[in-house]
Amino acid sequence: ATIAARKSITRRSTVRRGAVWAAW
């Protein structure tokens, strides 16, 4: 279920995960 949620979150995203992680 978590992997499925991750895919859904990716589809909704406009900013790369790495960019958010690095920024904060």
PDBML (XML) file of the C-alpha atoms, coordinates in Angstrom:
<?xml version="1.0" encoding="UTF-8" ?>
<PDBx:datablock datablockName="MODEL"
   xmlns:PDBx="http://pdbml.pdb.org/schema/pdbx-v50.xsd"
   xmlns:xsi="http://www.w3.org/2001/XMLSchema-instance"
   xsi:schemaLocation="http://pdbml.pdb.org/schema/pdbx-v50.xsd pdbx-v50.xsd">
   <PDBx:atom_siteCategory>
      <PDBx:atom_site id="1">
         <PDBx:B_iso_or_equiv>0.00</PDBx:B_iso_or_equiv>
         <PDBx:Cartn_x>0.000</PDBx:Cartn_x>
         <PDBx:Cartn_y>0.000</PDBx:Cartn_y>
         <PDBx:Cartn_z>0.000</PDBx:Cartn_z>
         <PDBx:auth_asym_id>A</PDBx:auth_asym_id>
         <PDBx:auth_atom_id>CA</PDBx:auth_atom_id>
         <PDBx:auth_comp_id>ALA</PDBx:auth_comp_id>
         <PDBx:auth_seq_id>1</PDBx:auth_seq_id>
         <PDBx:group_PDB>ATOM</PDBx:group_PDB>
         <PDBx:label_alt_id xsi:nil="true" />
         <PDBx:label_asym_id>A</PDBx:label_asym_id>
         <PDBx:label_atom_id>CA</PDBx:label_atom_id>
         <PDBx:label_comp_id>ALA</PDBx:label_comp_id>
         <PDBx:label_entity_id>1</PDBx:label_entity_id>
         <PDBx:label_seq_id>1</PDBx:label_seq_id>
         <PDBx:occupancy>1.00</PDBx:occupancy>
         <PDBx:pdbx_PDB_model_num>1</PDBx:pdbx_PDB_model_num>
         <PDBx:type_symbol>C</PDBx:type_symbol>
      </PDBx:atom_site>
      <PDBx:atom_site id="2">
         <PDBx:B_iso_or_equiv>0.00</PDBx:B_iso_or_equiv>
         <PDBx:Cartn_x>2.893</PDBx:Cartn_x>
         <PDBx:Cartn_y>2.362</PDBx:Cartn_y>
         <PDBx:Cartn_z>0.743</PDBx:Cartn_z>
         <PDBx:auth_asym_id>A</PDBx:auth_asym_id>
         <PDBx:auth_atom_id>CA</PDBx:auth_atom_id>
         <PDBx:auth_comp_id>THR</PDBx:auth_comp_id>
         <PDBx:auth_seq_id>2</PDBx:auth_seq_id>
         <PDBx:group_PDB>ATOM</PDBx:group_PDB>
         <PDBx:label_alt_id xsi:nil="true" />
         <PDBx:label_asym_id>A</PDBx:label_asym_id>
         <PDBx:label_atom_id>CA</PDBx:label_atom_id>
         <PDBx:label_comp_id>THR</PDBx:label_comp_id>
         <PDBx:label_entity_id>1</PDBx:label_entity_id>
         <PDBx:label_seq_id>2</PDBx:label_seq_id>
         <PDBx:occupancy>1.00</PDBx:occupancy>
         <PDBx:pdbx_PDB_model_num>1</PDBx:pdbx_PDB_model_num>
         <PDBx:type_symbol>C</PDBx:type_symbol>
      </PDBx:atom_site>
      <PDBx:atom_site id="3">
         <PDBx:B_iso_or_equiv>0.00</PDBx:B_iso_or_equiv>
         <PDBx:Cartn_x>4.510</PDBx:Cartn_x>
         <PDBx:Cartn_y>1.784</PDBx:Cartn_y>
         <PDBx:Cartn_z>-2.642</PDBx:Cartn_z>
         <PDBx:auth_asym_id>A</PDBx:auth_asym_id>
         <PDBx:auth_atom_id>CA</PDBx:auth_atom_id>
         <PDBx:auth_comp_id>ILE</PDBx:auth_comp_id>
         <PDBx:auth_seq_id>3</PDBx:auth_seq_id>
         <PDBx:group_PDB>ATOM</PDBx:group_PDB>
         <PDBx:label_alt_id xsi:nil="true" />
         <PDBx:label_asym_id>A</PDBx:label_asym_id>
         <PDBx:label_atom_id>CA</PDBx:label_atom_id>
         <PDBx:label_comp_id>ILE</PDBx:label_comp_id>
         <PDBx:label_entity_id>1</PDBx:label_entity_id>
         <PDBx:label_seq_id>3</PDBx:label_seq_id>
         <PDBx:occupancy>1.00</PDBx:occupancy>
         <PDBx:pdbx_PDB_model_num>1</PDBx:pdbx_PDB_model_num>
         <PDBx:type_symbol>C</PDBx:type_symbol>
      </PDBx:atom_site>
      <PDBx:atom_site id="4">
         <PDBx:B_iso_or_equiv>0.00</PDBx:B_iso_or_equiv>
         <PDBx:Cartn_x>1.149</PDBx:Cartn_x>
         <PDBx:Cartn_y>2.389</PDBx:Cartn_y>
         <PDBx:Cartn_z>-4.326</PDBx:Cartn_z>
         <PDBx:auth_asym_id>A</PDBx:auth_asym_id>
         <PDBx:auth_atom_id>CA</PDBx:auth_atom_id>
         <PDBx:auth_comp_id>ALA</PDBx:auth_comp_id>
         <PDBx:auth_seq_id>4</PDBx:auth_seq_id>
         <PDBx:group_PDB>ATOM</PDBx:group_PDB>
         <PDBx:label_alt_id xsi:nil="true" />
         <PDBx:label_asym_id>A</PDBx:label_asym_id>
         <PDBx:label_atom_id>CA</PDBx:label_atom_id>
         <PDBx:label_comp_id>ALA</PDBx:label_comp_id>
         <PDBx:label_entity_id>1</PDBx:label_entity_id>
         <PDBx:label_seq_id>4</PDBx:label_seq_id>
         <PDBx:occupancy>1.00</PDBx:occupancy>
         <PDBx:pdbx_PDB_model_num>1</PDBx:pdbx_PDB_model_num>
         <PDBx:type_symbol>C</PDBx:type_symbol>
      </PDBx:atom_site>
      <PDBx:atom_site id="5">
         <PDBx:B_iso_or_equiv>0.00</PDBx:B_iso_or_equiv>
         <PDBx:Cartn_x>0.788</PDBx:Cartn_x>
         <PDBx:Cartn_y>5.629</PDBx:Cartn_y>
         <PDBx:Cartn_z>-2.358</PDBx:Cartn_z>
         <PDBx:auth_asym_id>A</PDBx:auth_asym_id>
         <PDBx:auth_atom_id>CA</PDBx:auth_atom_id>
         <PDBx:auth_comp_id>ALA</PDBx:auth_comp_id>
         <PDBx:auth_seq_id>5</PDBx:auth_seq_id>
         <PDBx:group_PDB>ATOM</PDBx:group_PDB>
         <PDBx:label_alt_id xsi:nil="true" />
         <PDBx:label_asym_id>A</PDBx:label_asym_id>
         <PDBx:label_atom_id>CA</PDBx:label_atom_id>
         <PDBx:label_comp_id>ALA</PDBx:label_comp_id>
         <PDBx:label_entity_id>1</PDBx:label_entity_id>
         <PDBx:label_seq_id>5</PDBx:label_seq_id>
         <PDBx:occupancy>1.00</PDBx:occupancy>
         <PDBx:pdbx_PDB_model_num>1</PDBx:pdbx_PDB_model_num>
         <PDBx:type_symbol>C</PDBx:type_symbol>
      </PDBx:atom_site>
      <PDBx:atom_site id="6">
         <PDBx:B_iso_or_equiv>0.00</PDBx:B_iso_or_equiv>
         <PDBx:Cartn_x>4.304</PDBx:Cartn_x>
         <PDBx:Cartn_y>6.672</PDBx:Cartn_y>
         <PDBx:Cartn_z>-3.378</PDBx:Cartn_z>
         <PDBx:auth_asym_id>A</PDBx:auth_asym_id>
         <PDBx:auth_atom_id>CA</PDBx:auth_atom_id>
         <PDBx:auth_comp_id>ARG</PDBx:auth_comp_id>
         <PDBx:auth_seq_id>6</PDBx:auth_seq_id>
         <PDBx:group_PDB>ATOM</PDBx:group_PDB>
         <PDBx:label_alt_id xsi:nil="true" />
         <PDBx:label_asym_id>A</PDBx:label_asym_id>
         <PDBx:label_atom_id>CA</PDBx:label_atom_id>
         <PDBx:label_comp_id>ARG</PDBx:label_comp_id>
         <PDBx:label_entity_id>1</PDBx:label_entity_id>
         <PDBx:label_seq_id>6</PDBx:label_seq_id>
         <PDBx:occupancy>1.00</PDBx:occupancy>
         <PDBx:pdbx_PDB_model_num>1</PDBx:pdbx_PDB_model_num>
         <PDBx:type_symbol>C</PDBx:type_symbol>
      </PDBx:atom_site>
      <PDBx:atom_site id="7">
         <PDBx:B_iso_or_equiv>0.00</PDBx:B_iso_or_equiv>
         <PDBx:Cartn_x>3.425</PDBx:Cartn_x>
         <PDBx:Cartn_y>6.230</PDBx:Cartn_y>
         <PDBx:Cartn_z>-7.056</PDBx:Cartn_z>
         <PDBx:auth_asym_id>A</PDBx:auth_asym_id>
         <PDBx:auth_atom_id>CA</PDBx:auth_atom_id>
         <PDBx:auth_comp_id>LYS</PDBx:auth_comp_id>
         <PDBx:auth_seq_id>7</PDBx:auth_seq_id>
         <PDBx:group_PDB>ATOM</PDBx:group_PDB>
         <PDBx:label_alt_id xsi:nil="true" />
         <PDBx:label_asym_id>A</PDBx:label_asym_id>
         <PDBx:label_atom_id>CA</PDBx:label_atom_id>
         <PDBx:label_comp_id>LYS</PDBx:label_comp_id>
         <PDBx:label_entity_id>1</PDBx:label_entity_id>
         <PDBx:label_seq_id>7</PDBx:label_seq_id>
         <PDBx:occupancy>1.00</PDBx:occupancy>
         <PDBx:pdbx_PDB_model_num>1</PDBx:pdbx_PDB_model_num>
         <PDBx:type_symbol>C</PDBx:type_symbol>
      </PDBx:atom_site>
      <PDBx:atom_site id="8">
         <PDBx:B_iso_or_equiv>0.00</PDBx:B_iso_or_equiv>
         <PDBx:Cartn_x>0.274</PDBx:Cartn_x>
         <PDBx:Cartn_y>8.291</PDBx:Cartn_y>
         <PDBx:Cartn_z>-6.581</PDBx:Cartn_z>
         <PDBx:auth_asym_id>A</PDBx:auth_asym_id>
         <PDBx:auth_atom_id>CA</PDBx:auth_atom_id>
         <PDBx:auth_comp_id>SER</PDBx:auth_comp_id>
         <PDBx:auth_seq_id>8</PDBx:auth_seq_id>
         <PDBx:group_PDB>ATOM</PDBx:group_PDB>
         <PDBx:label_alt_id xsi:nil="true" />
         <PDBx:label_asym_id>A</PDBx:label_asym_id>
         <PDBx:label_atom_id>CA</PDBx:label_atom_id>
         <PDBx:label_comp_id>SER</PDBx:label_comp_id>
         <PDBx:label_entity_id>1</PDBx:label_entity_id>
         <PDBx:label_seq_id>8</PDBx:label_seq_id>
         <PDBx:occupancy>1.00</PDBx:occupancy>
         <PDBx:pdbx_PDB_model_num>1</PDBx:pdbx_PDB_model_num>
         <PDBx:type_symbol>C</PDBx:type_symbol>
      </PDBx:atom_site>
      <PDBx:atom_site id="9">
         <PDBx:B_iso_or_equiv>0.00</PDBx:B_iso_or_equiv>
         <PDBx:Cartn_x>2.248</PDBx:Cartn_x>
         <PDBx:Cartn_y>11.034</PDBx:Cartn_y>
         <PDBx:Cartn_z>-4.826</PDBx:Cartn_z>
         <PDBx:auth_asym_id>A</PDBx:auth_asym_id>
         <PDBx:auth_atom_id>CA</PDBx:auth_atom_id>
         <PDBx:auth_comp_id>ILE</PDBx:auth_comp_id>
         <PDBx:auth_seq_id>9</PDBx:auth_seq_id>
         <PDBx:group_PDB>ATOM</PDBx:group_PDB>
         <PDBx:label_alt_id xsi:nil="true" />
         <PDBx:label_asym_id>A</PDBx:label_asym_id>
         <PDBx:label_atom_id>CA</PDBx:label_atom_id>
         <PDBx:label_comp_id>ILE</PDBx:label_comp_id>
         <PDBx:label_entity_id>1</PDBx:label_entity_id>
         <PDBx:label_seq_id>9</PDBx:label_seq_id>
         <PDBx:occupancy>1.00</PDBx:occupancy>
         <PDBx:pdbx_PDB_model_num>1</PDBx:pdbx_PDB_model_num>
         <PDBx:type_symbol>C</PDBx:type_symbol>
      </PDBx:atom_site>
      <PDBx:atom_site id="10">
         <PDBx:B_iso_or_equiv>0.00</PDBx:B_iso_or_equiv>
         <PDBx:Cartn_x>4.754</PDBx:Cartn_x>
         <PDBx:Cartn_y>11.035</PDBx:Cartn_y>
         <PDBx:Cartn_z>-7.688</PDBx:Cartn_z>
         <PDBx:auth_asym_id>A</PDBx:auth_asym_id>
         <PDBx:auth_atom_id>CA</PDBx:auth_atom_id>
         <PDBx:auth_comp_id>THR</PDBx:auth_comp_id>
         <PDBx:auth_seq_id>10</PDBx:auth_seq_id>
         <PDBx:group_PDB>ATOM</PDBx:group_PDB>
         <PDBx:label_alt_id xsi:nil="true" />
         <PDBx:label_asym_id>A</PDBx:label_asym_id>
         <PDBx:label_atom_id>CA</PDBx:label_atom_id>
         <PDBx:label_comp_id>THR</PDBx:label_comp_id>
         <PDBx:label_entity_id>1</PDBx:label_entity_id>
         <PDBx:label_seq_id>10</PDBx:label_seq_id>
         <PDBx:occupancy>1.00</PDBx:occupancy>
         <PDBx:pdbx_PDB_model_num>1</PDBx:pdbx_PDB_model_num>
         <PDBx:type_symbol>C</PDBx:type_symbol>
      </PDBx:atom_site>
      <PDBx:atom_site id="11">
         <PDBx:B_iso_or_equiv>0.00</PDBx:B_iso_or_equiv>
         <PDBx:Cartn_x>1.977</PDBx:Cartn_x>
         <PDBx:Cartn_y>11.560</PDBx:Cartn_y>
         <PDBx:Cartn_z>-10.228</PDBx:Cartn_z>
         <PDBx:auth_asym_id>A</PDBx:auth_asym_id>
         <PDBx:auth_atom_id>CA</PDBx:auth_atom_id>
         <PDBx:auth_comp_id>ARG</PDBx:auth_comp_id>
         <PDBx:auth_seq_id>11</PDBx:auth_seq_id>
         <PDBx:group_PDB>ATOM</PDBx:group_PDB>
         <PDBx:label_alt_id xsi:nil="true" />
         <PDBx:label_asym_id>A</PDBx:label_asym_id>
         <PDBx:label_atom_id>CA</PDBx:label_atom_id>
         <PDBx:label_comp_id>ARG</PDBx:label_comp_id>
         <PDBx:label_entity_id>1</PDBx:label_entity_id>
         <PDBx:label_seq_id>11</PDBx:label_seq_id>
         <PDBx:occupancy>1.00</PDBx:occupancy>
         <PDBx:pdbx_PDB_model_num>1</PDBx:pdbx_PDB_model_num>
         <PDBx:type_symbol>C</PDBx:type_symbol>
      </PDBx:atom_site>
      <PDBx:atom_site id="12">
         <PDBx:B_iso_or_equiv>0.00</PDBx:B_iso_or_equiv>
         <PDBx:Cartn_x>0.746</PDBx:Cartn_x>
         <PDBx:Cartn_y>14.592</PDBx:Cartn_y>
         <PDBx:Cartn_z>-8.284</PDBx:Cartn_z>
         <PDBx:auth_asym_id>A</PDBx:auth_asym_id>
         <PDBx:auth_atom_id>CA</PDBx:auth_atom_id>
         <PDBx:auth_comp_id>ARG</PDBx:auth_comp_id>
         <PDBx:auth_seq_id>12</PDBx:auth_seq_id>
         <PDBx:group_PDB>ATOM</PDBx:group_PDB>
         <PDBx:label_alt_id xsi:nil="true" />
         <PDBx:label_asym_id>A</PDBx:label_asym_id>
         <PDBx:label_atom_id>CA</PDBx:label_atom_id>
         <PDBx:label_comp_id>ARG</PDBx:label_comp_id>
         <PDBx:label_entity_id>1</PDBx:label_entity_id>
         <PDBx:label_seq_id>12</PDBx:label_seq_id>
         <PDBx:occupancy>1.00</PDBx:occupancy>
         <PDBx:pdbx_PDB_model_num>1</PDBx:pdbx_PDB_model_num>
         <PDBx:type_symbol>C</PDBx:type_symbol>
      </PDBx:atom_site>
      <PDBx:atom_site id="13">
         <PDBx:B_iso_or_equiv>0.00</PDBx:B_iso_or_equiv>
         <PDBx:Cartn_x>4.206</PDBx:Cartn_x>
         <PDBx:Cartn_y>16.103</PDBx:Cartn_y>
         <PDBx:Cartn_z>-7.793</PDBx:Cartn_z>
         <PDBx:auth_asym_id>A</PDBx:auth_asym_id>
         <PDBx:auth_atom_id>CA</PDBx:auth_atom_id>
         <PDBx:auth_comp_id>SER</PDBx:auth_comp_id>
         <PDBx:auth_seq_id>13</PDBx:auth_seq_id>
         <PDBx:group_PDB>ATOM</PDBx:group_PDB>
         <PDBx:label_alt_id xsi:nil="true" />
         <PDBx:label_asym_id>A</PDBx:label_asym_id>
         <PDBx:label_atom_id>CA</PDBx:label_atom_id>
         <PDBx:label_comp_id>SER</PDBx:label_comp_id>
         <PDBx:label_entity_id>1</PDBx:label_entity_id>
         <PDBx:label_seq_id>13</PDBx:label_seq_id>
         <PDBx:occupancy>1.00</PDBx:occupancy>
         <PDBx:pdbx_PDB_model_num>1</PDBx:pdbx_PDB_model_num>
         <PDBx:type_symbol>C</PDBx:type_symbol>
      </PDBx:atom_site>
      <PDBx:atom_site id="14">
         <PDBx:B_iso_or_equiv>0.00</PDBx:B_iso_or_equiv>
         <PDBx:Cartn_x>5.674</PDBx:Cartn_x>
         <PDBx:Cartn_y>19.047</PDBx:Cartn_y>
         <PDBx:Cartn_z>-9.672</PDBx:Cartn_z>
         <PDBx:auth_asym_id>A</PDBx:auth_asym_id>
         <PDBx:auth_atom_id>CA</PDBx:auth_atom_id>
         <PDBx:auth_comp_id>THR</PDBx:auth_comp_id>
         <PDBx:auth_seq_id>14</PDBx:auth_seq_id>
         <PDBx:group_PDB>ATOM</PDBx:group_PDB>
         <PDBx:label_alt_id xsi:nil="true" />
         <PDBx:label_asym_id>A</PDBx:label_asym_id>
         <PDBx:label_atom_id>CA</PDBx:label_atom_id>
         <PDBx:label_comp_id>THR</PDBx:label_comp_id>
         <PDBx:label_entity_id>1</PDBx:label_entity_id>
         <PDBx:label_seq_id>14</PDBx:label_seq_id>
         <PDBx:occupancy>1.00</PDBx:occupancy>
         <PDBx:pdbx_PDB_model_num>1</PDBx:pdbx_PDB_model_num>
         <PDBx:type_symbol>C</PDBx:type_symbol>
      </PDBx:atom_site>
      <PDBx:atom_site id="15">
         <PDBx:B_iso_or_equiv>0.00</PDBx:B_iso_or_equiv>
         <PDBx:Cartn_x>8.904</PDBx:Cartn_x>
         <PDBx:Cartn_y>19.256</PDBx:Cartn_y>
         <PDBx:Cartn_z>-7.644</PDBx:Cartn_z>
         <PDBx:auth_asym_id>A</PDBx:auth_asym_id>
         <PDBx:auth_atom_id>CA</PDBx:auth_atom_id>
         <PDBx:auth_comp_id>VAL</PDBx:auth_comp_id>
         <PDBx:auth_seq_id>15</PDBx:auth_seq_id>
         <PDBx:group_PDB>ATOM</PDBx:group_PDB>
         <PDBx:label_alt_id xsi:nil="true" />
         <PDBx:label_asym_id>A</PDBx:label_asym_id>
         <PDBx:label_atom_id>CA</PDBx:label_atom_id>
         <PDBx:label_comp_id>VAL</PDBx:label_comp_id>
         <PDBx:label_entity_id>1</PDBx:label_entity_id>
         <PDBx:label_seq_id>15</PDBx:label_seq_id>
         <PDBx:occupancy>1.00</PDBx:occupancy>
         <PDBx:pdbx_PDB_model_num>1</PDBx:pdbx_PDB_model_num>
         <PDBx:type_symbol>C</PDBx:type_symbol>
      </PDBx:atom_site>
      <PDBx:atom_site id="16">
         <PDBx:B_iso_or_equiv>0.00</PDBx:B_iso_or_equiv>
         <PDBx:Cartn_x>11.550</PDBx:Cartn_x>
         <PDBx:Cartn_y>16.521</PDBx:Cartn_y>
         <PDBx:Cartn_z>-7.517</PDBx:Cartn_z>
         <PDBx:auth_asym_id>A</PDBx:auth_asym_id>
         <PDBx:auth_atom_id>CA</PDBx:auth_atom_id>
         <PDBx:auth_comp_id>ARG</PDBx:auth_comp_id>
         <PDBx:auth_seq_id>16</PDBx:auth_seq_id>
         <PDBx:group_PDB>ATOM</PDBx:group_PDB>
         <PDBx:label_alt_id xsi:nil="true" />
         <PDBx:label_asym_id>A</PDBx:label_asym_id>
         <PDBx:label_atom_id>CA</PDBx:label_atom_id>
         <PDBx:label_comp_id>ARG</PDBx:label_comp_id>
         <PDBx:label_entity_id>1</PDBx:label_entity_id>
         <PDBx:label_seq_id>16</PDBx:label_seq_id>
         <PDBx:occupancy>1.00</PDBx:occupancy>
         <PDBx:pdbx_PDB_model_num>1</PDBx:pdbx_PDB_model_num>
         <PDBx:type_symbol>C</PDBx:type_symbol>
      </PDBx:atom_site>
      <PDBx:atom_site id="17">
         <PDBx:B_iso_or_equiv>0.00</PDBx:B_iso_or_equiv>
         <PDBx:Cartn_x>11.836</PDBx:Cartn_x>
         <PDBx:Cartn_y>14.638</PDBx:Cartn_y>
         <PDBx:Cartn_z>-4.231</PDBx:Cartn_z>
         <PDBx:auth_asym_id>A</PDBx:auth_asym_id>
         <PDBx:auth_atom_id>CA</PDBx:auth_atom_id>
         <PDBx:auth_comp_id>ARG</PDBx:auth_comp_id>
         <PDBx:auth_seq_id>17</PDBx:auth_seq_id>
         <PDBx:group_PDB>ATOM</PDBx:group_PDB>
         <PDBx:label_alt_id xsi:nil="true" />
         <PDBx:label_asym_id>A</PDBx:label_asym_id>
         <PDBx:label_atom_id>CA</PDBx:label_atom_id>
         <PDBx:label_comp_id>ARG</PDBx:label_comp_id>
         <PDBx:label_entity_id>1</PDBx:label_entity_id>
         <PDBx:label_seq_id>17</PDBx:label_seq_id>
         <PDBx:occupancy>1.00</PDBx:occupancy>
         <PDBx:pdbx_PDB_model_num>1</PDBx:pdbx_PDB_model_num>
         <PDBx:type_symbol>C</PDBx:type_symbol>
      </PDBx:atom_site>
      <PDBx:atom_site id="18">
         <PDBx:B_iso_or_equiv>0.00</PDBx:B_iso_or_equiv>
         <PDBx:Cartn_x>15.575</PDBx:Cartn_x>
         <PDBx:Cartn_y>15.268</PDBx:Cartn_y>
         <PDBx:Cartn_z>-4.192</PDBx:Cartn_z>
         <PDBx:auth_asym_id>A</PDBx:auth_asym_id>
         <PDBx:auth_atom_id>CA</PDBx:auth_atom_id>
         <PDBx:auth_comp_id>GLY</PDBx:auth_comp_id>
         <PDBx:auth_seq_id>18</PDBx:auth_seq_id>
         <PDBx:group_PDB>ATOM</PDBx:group_PDB>
         <PDBx:label_alt_id xsi:nil="true" />
         <PDBx:label_asym_id>A</PDBx:label_asym_id>
         <PDBx:label_atom_id>CA</PDBx:label_atom_id>
         <PDBx:label_comp_id>GLY</PDBx:label_comp_id>
         <PDBx:label_entity_id>1</PDBx:label_entity_id>
         <PDBx:label_seq_id>18</PDBx:label_seq_id>
         <PDBx:occupancy>1.00</PDBx:occupancy>
         <PDBx:pdbx_PDB_model_num>1</PDBx:pdbx_PDB_model_num>
         <PDBx:type_symbol>C</PDBx:type_symbol>
      </PDBx:atom_site>
      <PDBx:atom_site id="19">
         <PDBx:B_iso_or_equiv>0.00</PDBx:B_iso_or_equiv>
         <PDBx:Cartn_x>15.084</PDBx:Cartn_x>
         <PDBx:Cartn_y>19.003</PDBx:Cartn_y>
         <PDBx:Cartn_z>-4.536</PDBx:Cartn_z>
         <PDBx:auth_asym_id>A</PDBx:auth_asym_id>
         <PDBx:auth_atom_id>CA</PDBx:auth_atom_id>
         <PDBx:auth_comp_id>ALA</PDBx:auth_comp_id>
         <PDBx:auth_seq_id>19</PDBx:auth_seq_id>
         <PDBx:group_PDB>ATOM</PDBx:group_PDB>
         <PDBx:label_alt_id xsi:nil="true" />
         <PDBx:label_asym_id>A</PDBx:label_asym_id>
         <PDBx:label_atom_id>CA</PDBx:label_atom_id>
         <PDBx:label_comp_id>ALA</PDBx:label_comp_id>
         <PDBx:label_entity_id>1</PDBx:label_entity_id>
         <PDBx:label_seq_id>19</PDBx:label_seq_id>
         <PDBx:occupancy>1.00</PDBx:occupancy>
         <PDBx:pdbx_PDB_model_num>1</PDBx:pdbx_PDB_model_num>
         <PDBx:type_symbol>C</PDBx:type_symbol>
      </PDBx:atom_site>
      <PDBx:atom_site id="20">
         <PDBx:B_iso_or_equiv>0.00</PDBx:B_iso_or_equiv>
         <PDBx:Cartn_x>12.702</PDBx:Cartn_x>
         <PDBx:Cartn_y>19.168</PDBx:Cartn_y>
         <PDBx:Cartn_z>-1.573</PDBx:Cartn_z>
         <PDBx:auth_asym_id>A</PDBx:auth_asym_id>
         <PDBx:auth_atom_id>CA</PDBx:auth_atom_id>
         <PDBx:auth_comp_id>VAL</PDBx:auth_comp_id>
         <PDBx:auth_seq_id>20</PDBx:auth_seq_id>
         <PDBx:group_PDB>ATOM</PDBx:group_PDB>
         <PDBx:label_alt_id xsi:nil="true" />
         <PDBx:label_asym_id>A</PDBx:label_asym_id>
         <PDBx:label_atom_id>CA</PDBx:label_atom_id>
         <PDBx:label_comp_id>VAL</PDBx:label_comp_id>
         <PDBx:label_entity_id>1</PDBx:label_entity_id>
         <PDBx:label_seq_id>20</PDBx:label_seq_id>
         <PDBx:occupancy>1.00</PDBx:occupancy>
         <PDBx:pdbx_PDB_model_num>1</PDBx:pdbx_PDB_model_num>
         <PDBx:type_symbol>C</PDBx:type_symbol>
      </PDBx:atom_site>
      <PDBx:atom_site id="21">
         <PDBx:B_iso_or_equiv>0.00</PDBx:B_iso_or_equiv>
         <PDBx:Cartn_x>15.006</PDBx:Cartn_x>
         <PDBx:Cartn_y>16.980</PDBx:Cartn_y>
         <PDBx:Cartn_z>0.518</PDBx:Cartn_z>
         <PDBx:auth_asym_id>A</PDBx:auth_asym_id>
         <PDBx:auth_atom_id>CA</PDBx:auth_atom_id>
         <PDBx:auth_comp_id>TRP</PDBx:auth_comp_id>
         <PDBx:auth_seq_id>21</PDBx:auth_seq_id>
         <PDBx:group_PDB>ATOM</PDBx:group_PDB>
         <PDBx:label_alt_id xsi:nil="true" />
         <PDBx:label_asym_id>A</PDBx:label_asym_id>
         <PDBx:label_atom_id>CA</PDBx:label_atom_id>
         <PDBx:label_comp_id>TRP</PDBx:label_comp_id>
         <PDBx:label_entity_id>1</PDBx:label_entity_id>
         <PDBx:label_seq_id>21</PDBx:label_seq_id>
         <PDBx:occupancy>1.00</PDBx:occupancy>
         <PDBx:pdbx_PDB_model_num>1</PDBx:pdbx_PDB_model_num>
         <PDBx:type_symbol>C</PDBx:type_symbol>
      </PDBx:atom_site>
      <PDBx:atom_site id="22">
         <PDBx:B_iso_or_equiv>0.00</PDBx:B_iso_or_equiv>
         <PDBx:Cartn_x>18.104</PDBx:Cartn_x>
         <PDBx:Cartn_y>19.020</PDBx:Cartn_y>
         <PDBx:Cartn_z>-0.289</PDBx:Cartn_z>
         <PDBx:auth_asym_id>A</PDBx:auth_asym_id>
         <PDBx:auth_atom_id>CA</PDBx:auth_atom_id>
         <PDBx:auth_comp_id>ALA</PDBx:auth_comp_id>
         <PDBx:auth_seq_id>22</PDBx:auth_seq_id>
         <PDBx:group_PDB>ATOM</PDBx:group_PDB>
         <PDBx:label_alt_id xsi:nil="true" />
         <PDBx:label_asym_id>A</PDBx:label_asym_id>
         <PDBx:label_atom_id>CA</PDBx:label_atom_id>
         <PDBx:label_comp_id>ALA</PDBx:label_comp_id>
         <PDBx:label_entity_id>1</PDBx:label_entity_id>
         <PDBx:label_seq_id>22</PDBx:label_seq_id>
         <PDBx:occupancy>1.00</PDBx:occupancy>
         <PDBx:pdbx_PDB_model_num>1</PDBx:pdbx_PDB_model_num>
         <PDBx:type_symbol>C</PDBx:type_symbol>
      </PDBx:atom_site>
      <PDBx:atom_site id="23">
         <PDBx:B_iso_or_equiv>0.00</PDBx:B_iso_or_equiv>
         <PDBx:Cartn_x>16.369</PDBx:Cartn_x>
         <PDBx:Cartn_y>22.329</PDBx:Cartn_y>
         <PDBx:Cartn_z>0.327</PDBx:Cartn_z>
         <PDBx:auth_asym_id>A</PDBx:auth_asym_id>
         <PDBx:auth_atom_id>CA</PDBx:auth_atom_id>
         <PDBx:auth_comp_id>ALA</PDBx:auth_comp_id>
         <PDBx:auth_seq_id>23</PDBx:auth_seq_id>
         <PDBx:group_PDB>ATOM</PDBx:group_PDB>
         <PDBx:label_alt_id xsi:nil="true" />
         <PDBx:label_asym_id>A</PDBx:label_asym_id>
         <PDBx:label_atom_id>CA</PDBx:label_atom_id>
         <PDBx:label_comp_id>ALA</PDBx:label_comp_id>
         <PDBx:label_entity_id>1</PDBx:label_entity_id>
         <PDBx:label_seq_id>23</PDBx:label_seq_id>
         <PDBx:occupancy>1.00</PDBx:occupancy>
         <PDBx:pdbx_PDB_model_num>1</PDBx:pdbx_PDB_model_num>
         <PDBx:type_symbol>C</PDBx:type_symbol>
      </PDBx:atom_site>
      <PDBx:atom_site id="24">
         <PDBx:B_iso_or_equiv>0.00</PDBx:B_iso_or_equiv>
         <PDBx:Cartn_x>15.114</PDBx:Cartn_x>
         <PDBx:Cartn_y>21.467</PDBx:Cartn_y>
         <PDBx:Cartn_z>3.804</PDBx:Cartn_z>
         <PDBx:auth_asym_id>A</PDBx:auth_asym_id>
         <PDBx:auth_atom_id>CA</PDBx:auth_atom_id>
         <PDBx:auth_comp_id>TRP</PDBx:auth_comp_id>
         <PDBx:auth_seq_id>24</PDBx:auth_seq_id>
         <PDBx:group_PDB>ATOM</PDBx:group_PDB>
         <PDBx:label_alt_id xsi:nil="true" />
         <PDBx:label_asym_id>A</PDBx:label_asym_id>
         <PDBx:label_atom_id>CA</PDBx:label_atom_id>
         <PDBx:label_comp_id>TRP</PDBx:label_comp_id>
         <PDBx:label_entity_id>1</PDBx:label_entity_id>
         <PDBx:label_seq_id>24</PDBx:label_seq_id>
         <PDBx:occupancy>1.00</PDBx:occupancy>
         <PDBx:pdbx_PDB_model_num>1</PDBx:pdbx_PDB_model_num>
         <PDBx:type_symbol>C</PDBx:type_symbol>
      </PDBx:atom_site>
   </PDBx:atom_siteCategory>
</PDBx:datablock>
